[in-house]
PDB file of N, CA and C in Angstrom:
ATOM      1  N   MET A   1      12.712  -9.410 -15.045  1.00  0.00           N
ATOM      2  CA  MET A   1      12.924  -9.543 -16.120  1.00  0.00           C
ATOM      3  C   MET A   1      14.209 -10.407 -17.022  1.00  0.00           C
ATOM      4  N   GLN A   2      14.239 -11.306 -17.465  1.00  0.00           N
ATOM      5  CA  GLN A   2      15.515 -12.492 -17.846  1.00  0.00           C
ATOM      6  C   GLN A   2      15.276 -11.733 -19.302  1.00  0.00           C
ATOM      7  N   PHE A   3      16.625 -12.100 -20.418  1.00  0.00           N
ATOM      8  CA  PHE A   3      16.988 -11.479 -21.107  1.00  0.00           C
ATOM      9  C   PHE A   3      15.875 -12.157 -22.367  1.00  0.00           C
ATOM     10  N   ASP A   4      16.169 -13.541 -22.648  1.00  0.00           N
ATOM     11  CA  ASP A   4      14.863 -14.080 -23.277  1.00  0.00           C
ATOM     12  C   ASP A   4      13.481 -13.701 -23.124  1.00  0.00           C
ATOM     13  N   SER A   5      13.016 -13.334 -21.845  1.00  0.00           N
ATOM     14  CA  SER A   5      11.473 -12.884 -22.165  1.00  0.00           C
ATOM     15  C   SER A   5      11.632 -11.814 -22.498  1.00  0.00           C
ATOM     16  N   LEU A   6      13.020 -10.860 -22.341  1.00  0.00           N
ATOM     17  CA  LEU A   6      12.519  -9.907 -23.544  1.00  0.00           C
ATOM     18  C   LEU A   6      12.490  -9.767 -24.418  1.00  0.00           C
ATOM     19  N   ILE A   7      13.390 -10.409 -25.445  1.00  0.00           N
ATOM     20  CA  ILE A   7      12.987 -10.816 -26.513  1.00  0.00           C
ATOM     21  C   ILE A   7      12.088 -11.360 -27.424  1.00  0.00           C
ATOM     22  N   ALA A   8      11.619 -11.818 -26.643  1.00  0.00           N
ATOM     23  CA  ALA A   8      10.177 -12.590 -26.570  1.00  0.00           C
ATOM     24  C   ALA A   8       9.289 -11.413 -26.936  1.00  0.00           C
ATOM     25  N   MET A   9       8.926 -10.699 -26.169  1.00  0.00           N
ATOM     26  CA  MET A   9       8.419  -9.306 -25.706  1.00  0.00           C
ATOM     27  C   MET A   9       8.644  -8.106 -26.803  1.00  0.00           C
ATOM     28  N   LEU A  10      10.021  -7.923 -27.007  1.00  0.00           N
ATOM     29  CA  LEU A  10      10.136  -7.528 -28.596  1.00  0.00           C
ATOM     30  C   LEU A  10       9.305  -7.788 -29.053  1.00  0.00           C
ATOM     31  N   ILE A  11       9.650  -9.302 -29.677  1.00  0.00           N
ATOM     32  CA  ILE A  11       9.299  -9.679 -31.043  1.00  0.00           C
ATOM     33  C   ILE A  11       7.523  -9.967 -31.246  1.00  0.00           C
ATOM     34  N   ILE A  12       7.265 -10.803 -29.619  1.00  0.00           N
ATOM     35  CA  ILE A  12       4.963 -10.605 -29.401  1.00  0.00           C
ATOM     36  C   ILE A  12       4.654  -8.772 -29.986  1.00  0.00           C
ATOM     37  N   GLY A  13       5.394  -7.671 -29.597  1.00  0.00           N
ATOM     38  CA  GLY A  13       5.000  -6.432 -29.644  1.00  0.00           C
ATOM     39  C   GLY A  13       5.419  -6.210 -31.391  1.00  0.00           C
ATOM     40  N   ALA A  14       6.036  -6.649 -31.745  1.00  0.00           N
ATOM     41  CA  ALA A  14       6.348  -6.138 -33.380  1.00  0.00           C
ATOM     42  C   ALA A  14       4.904  -6.703 -33.865  1.00  0.00           C
ATOM     43  N   VAL A  15       4.787  -7.338 -33.922  1.00  0.00           N
ATOM     44  CA  VAL A  15       3.986  -8.496 -34.543  1.00  0.00           C
ATOM     45  C   VAL A  15       2.321  -7.802 -34.028  1.00  0.00           C
ATOM     46  N   ALA A  16       2.685  -7.574 -32.574  1.00  0.00           N
ATOM     47  CA  ALA A  16       1.170  -6.874 -32.149  1.00  0.00           C
ATOM     48  C   ALA A  16       0.650  -5.322 -33.453  1.00  0.00           C
ATOM     49  N   GLY A  17       1.924  -4.278 -33.280  1.00  0.00           N
ATOM     50  CA  GLY A  17       1.675  -3.617 -33.783  1.00  0.00           C
ATOM     51  C   GLY A  17       1.697  -3.631 -35.674  1.00  0.00           C
ATOM     52  N   TRP A  18       1.955  -4.259 -35.775  1.00  0.00           N
ATOM     53  CA  TRP A  18       1.578  -4.733 -37.262  1.00  0.00           C
ATOM     54  C   TRP A  18       0.379  -5.099 -37.589  1.00  0.00           C
ATOM     55  N   LEU A  19      -0.325  -5.609 -35.988  1.00  0.00           N
ATOM     56  CA  LEU A  19      -1.434  -6.561 -36.945  1.00  0.00           C
ATOM     57  C   LEU A  19      -3.064  -5.141 -36.327  1.00  0.00           C
ATOM     58  N   SER A  20      -2.132  -3.985 -35.274  1.00  0.00           N
ATOM     59  CA  SER A  20      -3.205  -3.315 -34.521  1.00  0.00           C
ATOM     60  C   SER A  20      -3.143  -1.815 -35.471  1.00  0.00           C
ATOM     61  N   GLY A  21      -1.552  -2.065 -36.356  1.00  0.00           N
ATOM     62  CA  GLY A  21      -2.049  -1.141 -38.151  1.00  0.00           C
ATOM     63  C   GLY A  21      -2.039  -1.845 -38.518  1.00  0.00           C
ATOM     64  N   LYS A  22      -2.940  -2.951 -38.404  1.00  0.00           N
ATOM     65  CA  LYS A  22      -3.849  -2.715 -40.303  1.00  0.00           C
ATOM     66  C   LYS A  22      -5.423  -3.218 -39.487  1.00  0.00           C
ATOM     67  N   LEU A  23      -5.322  -2.988 -38.113  1.00  0.00           N
ATOM     68  CA  LEU A  23      -6.504  -2.829 -37.117  1.00  0.00           C
ATOM     69  C   LEU A  23      -7.000  -1.756 -37.735  1.00  0.00           C
ATOM     70  N   MET A  24      -6.248  -0.811 -36.895  1.00  0.00           N
ATOM     71  CA  MET A  24      -7.031   0.500 -36.765  1.00  0.00           C
ATOM     72  C   MET A  24      -6.125   1.343 -38.099  1.00  0.00           C
ATOM     73  N   LYS A  25      -7.221   1.348 -38.864  1.00  0.00           N
ATOM     74  CA  LYS A  25      -6.448   2.067 -40.905  1.00  0.00           C
ATOM     75  C   LYS A  25      -6.802   3.389 -40.562  1.00  0.00           C
ATOM     76  N   GLY A  26      -5.831   4.264 -40.958  1.00  0.00           N
ATOM     77  CA  GLY A  26      -6.144   5.403 -40.878  1.00  0.00           C
ATOM     78  C   GLY A  26      -5.431   6.046 -39.721  1.00  0.00           C
ATOM     79  N   ARG A  27      -4.991   5.978 -38.257  1.00  0.00           N
ATOM     80  CA  ARG A  27      -4.519   6.393 -37.304  1.00  0.00           C
ATOM     81  C   ARG A  27      -3.059   5.439 -37.275  1.00  0.00           C
ATOM     82  N   GLY A  28      -1.805   4.305 -37.828  1.00  0.00           N
ATOM     83  CA  GLY A  28      -1.030   4.200 -37.974  1.00  0.00           C
ATOM     84  C   GLY A  28      -0.001   4.899 -37.521  1.00  0.00           C
ATOM     85  N   PHE A  29       0.821   4.428 -37.912  1.00  0.00           N
ATOM     86  CA  PHE A  29       2.428   5.340 -38.299  1.00  0.00           C
ATOM     87  C   PHE A  29       3.348   5.222 -39.640  1.00  0.00           C
ATOM     88  N   GLY A  30       2.858   4.126 -39.659  1.00  0.00           N
ATOM     89  CA  GLY A  30       3.415   3.180 -40.596  1.00  0.00           C
ATOM     90  C   GLY A  30       4.357   1.811 -40.255  1.00  0.00           C
ATOM     91  N   LEU A  31       4.901   1.741 -40.951  1.00  0.00           N
ATOM     92  CA  LEU A  31       5.674   0.140 -40.443  1.00  0.00           C
ATOM     93  C   LEU A  31       6.079  -0.057 -39.083  1.00  0.00           C
ATOM     94  N   ILE A  32       7.304   0.649 -38.818  1.00  0.00           N
ATOM     95  CA  ILE A  32       8.404   1.031 -38.438  1.00  0.00           C
ATOM     96  C   ILE A  32       7.602   1.519 -37.218  1.00  0.00           C
ATOM     97  N   GLY A  33       6.707   3.032 -37.346  1.00  0.00           N
ATOM     98  CA  GLY A  33       5.785   3.133 -36.116  1.00  0.00           C
ATOM     99  C   GLY A  33       5.386   2.267 -35.503  1.00  0.00           C
ATOM    100  N   ASN A  34       4.802   2.147 -36.483  1.00  0.00           N
ATOM    101  CA  ASN A  34       3.561   0.507 -35.825  1.00  0.00           C
ATOM    102  C   ASN A  34       3.605  -0.285 -34.607  1.00  0.00           C
ATOM    103  N   ILE A  35       5.103  -1.105 -35.198  1.00  0.00           N
ATOM    104  CA  ILE A  35       5.780  -1.846 -34.648  1.00  0.00           C
ATOM    105  C   ILE A  35       6.747  -1.331 -33.330  1.00  0.00           C
ATOM    106  N   ILE A  36       6.658  -0.045 -33.161  1.00  0.00           N
ATOM    107  CA  ILE A  36       7.601   0.657 -31.619  1.00  0.00           C
ATOM    108  C   ILE A  36       5.956   0.597 -31.407  1.00  0.00           C
ATOM    109  N   VAL A  37       5.403   1.295 -31.218  1.00  0.00           N
ATOM    110  CA  VAL A  37       3.584   1.195 -31.046  1.00  0.00           C
ATOM    111  C   VAL A  37       3.394   0.218 -29.992  1.00  0.00           C
ATOM    112  N   GLY A  38       3.302  -1.220 -30.940  1.00  0.00           N
ATOM    113  CA  GLY A  38       3.049  -2.675 -30.570  1.00  0.00           C
ATOM    114  C   GLY A  38       3.931  -3.026 -29.210  1.00  0.00           C
ATOM    115  N   ILE A  39       5.344  -2.406 -29.556  1.00  0.00           N
ATOM    116  CA  ILE A  39       6.153  -2.997 -28.415  1.00  0.00           C
ATOM    117  C   ILE A  39       6.157  -2.343 -27.273  1.00  0.00           C
ATOM    118  N   VAL A  40       5.608  -0.643 -26.971  1.00  0.00           N
ATOM    119  CA  VAL A  40       5.149  -0.303 -26.129  1.00  0.00           C
ATOM    120  C   VAL A  40       3.641  -0.470 -25.470  1.00  0.00           C
ATOM    121  N   GLY A  41       2.968  -0.965 -26.406  1.00  0.00           N
ATOM    122  CA  GLY A  41       1.908  -1.691 -26.169  1.00  0.00           C
ATOM    123  C   GLY A  41       2.043  -2.078 -25.170  1.00  0.00           C
ATOM    124  N   ALA A  42       2.496  -3.772 -25.923  1.00  0.00           N
ATOM    125  CA  ALA A  42       3.107  -4.701 -25.328  1.00  0.00           C
ATOM    126  C   ALA A  42       3.211  -4.784 -24.025  1.00  0.00           C
ATOM    127  N   PHE A  43       4.139  -4.219 -23.655  1.00  0.00           N
ATOM    128  CA  PHE A  43       4.791  -3.324 -22.179  1.00  0.00           C
ATOM    129  C   PHE A  43       4.116  -3.122 -21.505  1.00  0.00           C
ATOM    130  N   LEU A  44       2.530  -1.901 -21.716  1.00  0.00           N
ATOM    131  CA  LEU A  44       1.632  -1.388 -21.378  1.00  0.00           C
ATOM    132  C   LEU A  44       0.893  -2.246 -20.593  1.00  0.00           C
ATOM    133  N   ALA A  45      -0.163  -3.053 -21.531  1.00  0.00           N
ATOM    134  CA  ALA A  45      -0.568  -4.199 -21.208  1.00  0.00           C
ATOM    135  C   ALA A  45      -0.233  -5.291 -20.465  1.00  0.00           C
ATOM    136  N   GLY A  46       1.247  -6.001 -20.697  1.00  0.00           N
ATOM    137  CA  GLY A  46       1.503  -6.116 -19.315  1.00  0.00           C
ATOM    138  C   GLY A  46       2.119  -5.538 -18.273  1.00  0.00           C
ATOM    139  N   LEU A  47       1.278  -4.767 -18.156  1.00  0.00           N
ATOM    140  CA  LEU A  47       1.374  -3.837 -16.637  1.00  0.00           C
ATOM    141  C   LEU A  47       0.509  -4.008 -16.191  1.00  0.00           C
ATOM    142  N   ILE A  48      -0.396  -3.283 -17.230  1.00  0.00           N
ATOM    143  CA  ILE A  48      -2.036  -2.883 -16.744  1.00  0.00           C
ATOM    144  C   ILE A  48      -2.889  -3.586 -16.557  1.00  0.00           C
ATOM    145  N   PHE A  49      -3.347  -4.209 -17.196  1.00  0.00           N
ATOM    146  CA  PHE A  49      -4.196  -5.208 -17.746  1.00  0.00           C
ATOM    147  C   PHE A  49      -4.192  -6.718 -16.543  1.00  0.00           C
ATOM    148  N   PRO A  50      -3.300  -6.878 -15.688  1.00  0.00           N
ATOM    149  CA  PRO A  50      -3.171  -7.935 -14.842  1.00  0.00           C
ATOM    150  C   PRO A  50      -3.734  -7.197 -13.843  1.00  0.00           C
ATOM    151  N   ALA A  51      -3.155  -5.956 -14.133  1.00  0.00           N
ATOM    152  CA  ALA A  51      -3.795  -5.714 -12.461  1.00  0.00           C
ATOM    153  C   ALA A  51      -4.895  -5.180 -12.210  1.00  0.00           C
ATOM    154  N   LEU A  52      -5.731  -4.786 -13.255  1.00  0.00           N
ATOM    155  CA  LEU A  52      -7.239  -4.598 -13.552  1.00  0.00           C
ATOM    156  C   LEU A  52      -7.998  -6.409 -13.651  1.00  0.00           C
ATOM    157  N   GLY A  53      -6.760  -7.272 -14.038  1.00  0.00           N
ATOM    158  CA  GLY A  53      -7.914  -8.964 -13.743  1.00  0.00           C
ATOM    159  C   GLY A  53      -8.056  -9.472 -14.871  1.00  0.00           C
ATOM    160  N   PHE A  54      -7.513  -8.542 -15.628  1.00  0.00           N
ATOM    161  CA  PHE A  54      -7.848  -9.127 -17.083  1.00  0.00           C
ATOM    162  C   PHE A  54      -6.617 -10.349 -18.019  1.00  0.00           C
ATOM    163  N   ALA A  55      -6.605 -10.954 -18.953  1.00  0.00           N
ATOM    164  CA  ALA A  55      -6.228 -12.388 -18.490  1.00  0.00           C
ATOM    165  C   ALA A  55      -6.884 -12.566 -20.177  1.00  0.00           C
ATOM    166  N   VAL A  56      -6.035 -12.734 -20.821  1.00  0.00           N
ATOM    167  CA  VAL A  56      -6.139 -13.597 -21.980  1.00  0.00           C
ATOM    168  C   VAL A  56      -5.861 -15.298 -21.843  1.00  0.00           C
ATOM    169  N   GLY A  57      -5.255 -15.687 -21.088  1.00  0.00           N
ATOM    170  CA  GLY A  57      -4.480 -17.002 -20.572  1.00  0.00           C
ATOM    171  C   GLY A  57      -3.680 -17.193 -21.168  1.00  0.00           C
ATOM    172  N   GLY A  58      -2.570 -18.102 -21.265  1.00  0.00           N
ATOM    173  CA  GLY A  58      -1.160 -17.912 -21.796  1.00  0.00           C
ATOM    174  C   GLY A  58      -0.866 -18.855 -23.075  1.00  0.00           C
ATOM    175  N   GLY A  59       0.435 -18.429 -23.294  1.00  0.00           N
ATOM    176  CA  GLY A  59       1.267 -19.219 -25.318  1.00  0.00           C
ATOM    177  C   GLY A  59       0.526 -17.476 -25.600  1.00  0.00           C
ATOM    178  N   VAL A  60       1.445 -18.321 -26.828  1.00  0.00           N
ATOM    179  CA  VAL A  60       1.864 -16.856 -27.304  1.00  0.00           C
ATOM    180  C   VAL A  60       1.266 -16.245 -28.425  1.00  0.00           C
ATOM    181  N   ILE A  61       0.045 -17.313 -28.119  1.00  0.00           N
ATOM    182  CA  ILE A  61      -1.285 -16.338 -29.556  1.00  0.00           C
ATOM    183  C   ILE A  61      -1.867 -15.698 -28.683  1.00  0.00           C
ATOM    184  N   ALA A  62      -1.916 -16.137 -27.202  1.00  0.00           N
ATOM    185  CA  ALA A  62      -2.537 -14.877 -26.001  1.00  0.00           C
ATOM    186  C   ALA A  62      -1.829 -14.134 -25.771  1.00  0.00           C
ATOM    187  N   SER A  63      -0.981 -13.946 -26.132  1.00  0.00           N
ATOM    188  CA  SER A  63       0.090 -13.028 -25.375  1.00  0.00           C
ATOM    189  C   SER A  63      -0.068 -12.328 -26.635  1.00  0.00           C
ATOM    190  N   ILE A  64       0.029 -12.304 -28.553  1.00  0.00           N
ATOM    191  CA  ILE A  64      -0.436 -11.878 -29.217  1.00  0.00           C
ATOM    192  C   ILE A  64      -1.591 -11.289 -29.400  1.00  0.00           C
ATOM    193  N   LEU A  65      -2.544 -11.585 -28.865  1.00  0.00           N
ATOM    194  CA  LEU A  65      -3.690 -10.713 -28.801  1.00  0.00           C
ATOM    195  C   LEU A  65      -3.226  -9.784 -27.442  1.00  0.00           C
ATOM    196  N   HIS A  66      -2.888 -10.291 -26.481  1.00  0.00           N
ATOM    197  CA  HIS A  66      -3.119  -9.362 -24.965  1.00  0.00           C
ATOM    198  C   HIS A  66      -2.735  -7.844 -25.565  1.00  0.00           C
ATOM    199  N   ALA A  67      -1.048  -8.578 -26.467  1.00  0.00           N
ATOM    200  CA  ALA A  67      -0.471  -7.316 -26.945  1.00  0.00           C
ATOM    201  C   ALA A  67      -0.889  -6.428 -27.412  1.00  0.00           C
ATOM    202  N   THR A  68      -1.358  -7.177 -29.185  1.00  0.00           N
ATOM    203  CA  THR A  68      -2.518  -6.256 -30.032  1.00  0.00           C
ATOM    204  C   THR A  68      -3.761  -5.937 -29.027  1.00  0.00           C
ATOM    205  N   ILE A  69      -4.684  -5.888 -28.073  1.00  0.00           N
ATOM    206  CA  ILE A  69      -5.322  -4.821 -27.473  1.00  0.00           C
ATOM    207  C   ILE A  69      -4.357  -3.565 -27.194  1.00  0.00           C
ATOM    208  N   GLY A  70      -3.431  -4.054 -26.326  1.00  0.00           N
ATOM    209  CA  GLY A  70      -2.834  -2.672 -25.791  1.00  0.00           C
ATOM    210  C   GLY A  70      -2.189  -1.793 -26.534  1.00  0.00           C
ATOM    211  N   ALA A  71      -1.794  -2.313 -27.813  1.00  0.00           N
ATOM    212  CA  ALA A  71      -1.420  -1.672 -28.829  1.00  0.00           C
ATOM    213  C   ALA A  71      -2.420  -0.868 -29.303  1.00  0.00           C
ATOM    214  N   VAL A  72      -3.770  -1.396 -29.666  1.00  0.00           N
ATOM    215  CA  VAL A  72      -5.046  -0.970 -30.412  1.00  0.00           C
ATOM    216  C   VAL A  72      -5.411   0.422 -29.461  1.00  0.00           C
ATOM    217  N   ILE A  73      -5.679   0.112 -27.774  1.00  0.00           N
ATOM    218  CA  ILE A  73      -6.141   1.528 -27.306  1.00  0.00           C
ATOM    219  C   ILE A  73      -4.575   2.490 -27.387  1.00  0.00           C
ATOM    220  N   LEU A  74      -3.568   2.210 -27.308  1.00  0.00           N
ATOM    221  CA  LEU A  74      -2.642   3.273 -27.505  1.00  0.00           C
ATOM    222  C   LEU A  74      -2.400   3.656 -28.562  1.00  0.00           C
ATOM    223  N   LEU A  75      -2.517   3.277 -30.301  1.00  0.00           N
ATOM    224  CA  LEU A  75      -3.432   3.631 -31.304  1.00  0.00           C
ATOM    225  C   LEU A  75      -4.251   4.769 -31.388  1.00  0.00           C
ATOM    226  N   PHE A  76      -5.229   4.653 -30.512  1.00  0.00           N
ATOM    227  CA  PHE A  76      -6.673   5.005 -30.013  1.00  0.00           C
ATOM    228  C   PHE A  76      -5.885   6.433 -29.458  1.00  0.00           C
ATOM    229  N   LEU A  77      -5.377   6.493 -28.337  1.00  0.00           N
ATOM    230  CA  LEU A  77      -5.687   7.746 -27.607  1.00  0.00           C
ATOM    231  C   LEU A  77      -4.219   8.778 -27.838  1.00  0.00           C
ATOM    232  N   ILE A  78      -3.510   8.094 -28.767  1.00  0.00           N
ATOM    233  CA  ILE A  78      -2.010   8.695 -29.191  1.00  0.00           C
ATOM    234  C   ILE A  78      -3.133   9.614 -30.867  1.00  0.00           C
ATOM    235  N   GLY A  79      -3.657   9.052 -31.237  1.00  0.00           N
ATOM    236  CA  GLY A  79      -4.925   9.603 -32.060  1.00  0.00           C
ATOM    237  C   GLY A  79      -5.794  10.684 -31.361  1.00  0.00           C
ATOM    238  N   LEU A  80      -6.362  10.517 -30.725  1.00  0.00           N
ATOM    239  CA  LEU A  80      -7.522  11.284 -30.020  1.00  0.00           C
ATOM    240  C   LEU A  80      -5.379  12.922 -29.751  1.00  0.00           C
ATOM    241  N   ILE A  81      -4.673  12.292 -29.326  1.00  0.00           N
ATOM    242  CA  ILE A  81      -4.101  13.613 -28.714  1.00  0.00           C
ATOM    243  C   ILE A  81      -3.445  14.156 -30.046  1.00  0.00           C
ATOM    244  N   ARG A  82      -3.220  13.664 -31.269  1.00  0.00           N
ATOM    245  CA  ARG A  82      -2.967  14.314 -32.485  1.00  0.00           C
ATOM    246  C   ARG A  82      -4.175  15.095 -32.346  1.00  0.00           C
ATOM    247  N   LYS A  83      -5.182  14.760 -32.367  1.00  0.00           N
ATOM    248  CA  LYS A  83      -6.721  15.689 -33.144  1.00  0.00           C
ATOM    249  C   LYS A  83      -6.530  16.936 -32.156  1.00  0.00           C
ATOM    250  N   GLY A  84      -5.895  16.762 -31.326  1.00  0.00           N
ATOM    251  CA  GLY A  84      -6.338  17.567 -30.146  1.00  0.00           C
ATOM    252  C   GLY A  84      -5.468  18.949 -30.287  1.00  0.00           C
TER     253      GLY A  84
END
């Protein structure tokens, strides 16, 4: 992974974390926490989704959508763990 792609993944993850915080009301961790969850969700989505054959296309919008799905799933799983 090159430095440019790492910076892009961090920015896209931050946007995805903010967006997932808006979508999952009541399950977020505040702005900074959701950005961190978005970055982790983007990383996980980048690893897991291609292995499953799930792809939404190319480009920035598709990457944000991909990372947002990963962040929403991560927020859901964290919410389940916090309740248990």
